Amino acid sequence: MPKTLIRHGNSLALVIDKPILEMLQISADTPLELSTNGDSILISPVRDKPRQQKLRASLKKINRKFGDDLRRLAE
C-alpha cells in the first residue's frame, strides 16, 4: 500500500489507516518503536513485558516441538 508523508508543522507525518491500526491493536496511546536497517523503516508497537514473555514461551514450545521440521522446510 503506497503512502506519502504529510506536513505536520515543521515535521512530516505518516497516516496509518484505521483497519491496520485495529488489526495490530494500536491506538493513539500505544507507544511505537522505530528502527531501520539503513534501507527501510520498521514501526512496531511496544508491548508489555508479560505479553512478550508469553510470546517467547510459545515460540520456545513451538521450536522444541517442530524445530527440526521448520529447519527442513527452510532449506
Protein backbone atom coordinates (compact mmCIF):
# COMPACT_ATOMS: atom_id res chain seq x y z
CA MET A 1 0.00 0.00 0.00
CA PRO A 2 1.86 3.11 -1.16
CA LYS A 3 1.74 6.07 1.22
CA THR A 4 3.10 9.59 1.17
CA LEU A 5 4.17 11.73 4.08
CA ILE A 6 2.15 14.80 5.03
CA ARG A 7 3.45 18.01 6.54
CA HIS A 8 2.66 18.39 10.25
CA GLY A 9 4.12 21.68 11.49
CA ASN A 10 7.88 21.52 10.89
CA SER A 11 7.80 17.71 10.69
CA LEU A 12 6.47 15.04 8.38
CA ALA A 13 3.83 12.51 9.42
CA LEU A 14 2.66 9.15 8.13
CA VAL A 15 -1.09 8.46 8.34
CA ILE A 16 -1.85 4.81 9.13
CA ASP A 17 -5.27 3.57 8.01
CA LYS A 18 -7.77 2.55 10.69
CA PRO A 19 -8.10 -1.13 9.59
CA ILE A 20 -4.33 -1.60 10.02
CA LEU A 21 -4.40 0.07 13.44
CA GLU A 22 -7.30 -2.14 14.52
CA MET A 23 -5.64 -5.31 13.24
CA LEU A 24 -2.46 -4.51 15.21
CA GLN A 25 -4.42 -3.26 18.23
CA ILE A 26 -2.70 0.13 18.09
CA SER A 27 -4.38 3.24 19.49
CA ALA A 28 -3.26 6.85 19.87
CA ASP A 29 -1.85 5.88 23.30
CA THR A 30 0.20 2.89 22.09
CA PRO A 31 3.95 3.56 22.27
CA LEU A 32 5.70 2.77 19.00
CA GLU A 33 9.31 1.81 18.35
CA LEU A 34 11.01 2.90 15.13
CA SER A 35 14.01 1.04 13.79
CA THR A 36 15.84 0.87 10.49
CA ASN A 37 18.25 -1.37 8.63
CA GLY A 38 19.56 1.62 6.68
CA ASP A 39 17.16 0.97 3.81
CA SER A 40 13.72 0.51 5.39
CA ILE A 41 11.80 1.82 8.38
CA LEU A 42 10.11 -0.64 10.73
CA ILE A 43 7.40 0.66 13.07
CA SER A 44 6.42 -1.73 15.87
CA PRO A 45 4.09 -1.35 18.83
CA VAL A 46 5.88 -1.63 22.17
CA ARG A 47 4.17 -4.45 24.04
CA ASP A 48 4.16 -5.02 27.76
CA LYS A 49 6.63 -7.45 29.33
CA PRO A 50 4.11 -10.19 30.31
CA ARG A 51 2.87 -10.33 26.72
CA GLN A 52 6.45 -10.56 25.39
CA GLN A 53 7.30 -13.32 27.88
CA LYS A 54 4.19 -15.27 26.87
CA LEU A 55 5.16 -14.95 23.20
CA ARG A 56 8.75 -16.10 23.88
CA ALA A 57 7.47 -19.10 25.84
CA SER A 58 5.14 -20.03 22.98
CA LEU A 59 7.95 -19.73 20.44
CA LYS A 60 10.23 -21.95 22.55
CA LYS A 61 7.47 -24.56 22.79
CA ILE A 62 6.91 -24.47 19.02
CA ASN A 63 10.66 -24.73 18.34
CA ARG A 64 11.01 -27.69 20.71
CA LYS A 65 8.10 -29.49 19.09
CA PHE A 66 8.58 -28.55 15.43
CA GLY A 67 12.12 -27.14 15.18
CA ASP A 68 13.51 -29.95 13.03
CA ASP A 69 10.56 -29.79 10.62
CA LEU A 70 10.80 -25.99 10.36
CA ARG A 71 14.52 -26.18 9.59
CA ARG A 72 13.90 -28.73 6.82
CA LEU A 73 11.16 -26.54 5.34
CA ALA A 74 13.51 -23.54 5.34
CA GLU A 75 16.11 -25.38 3.25
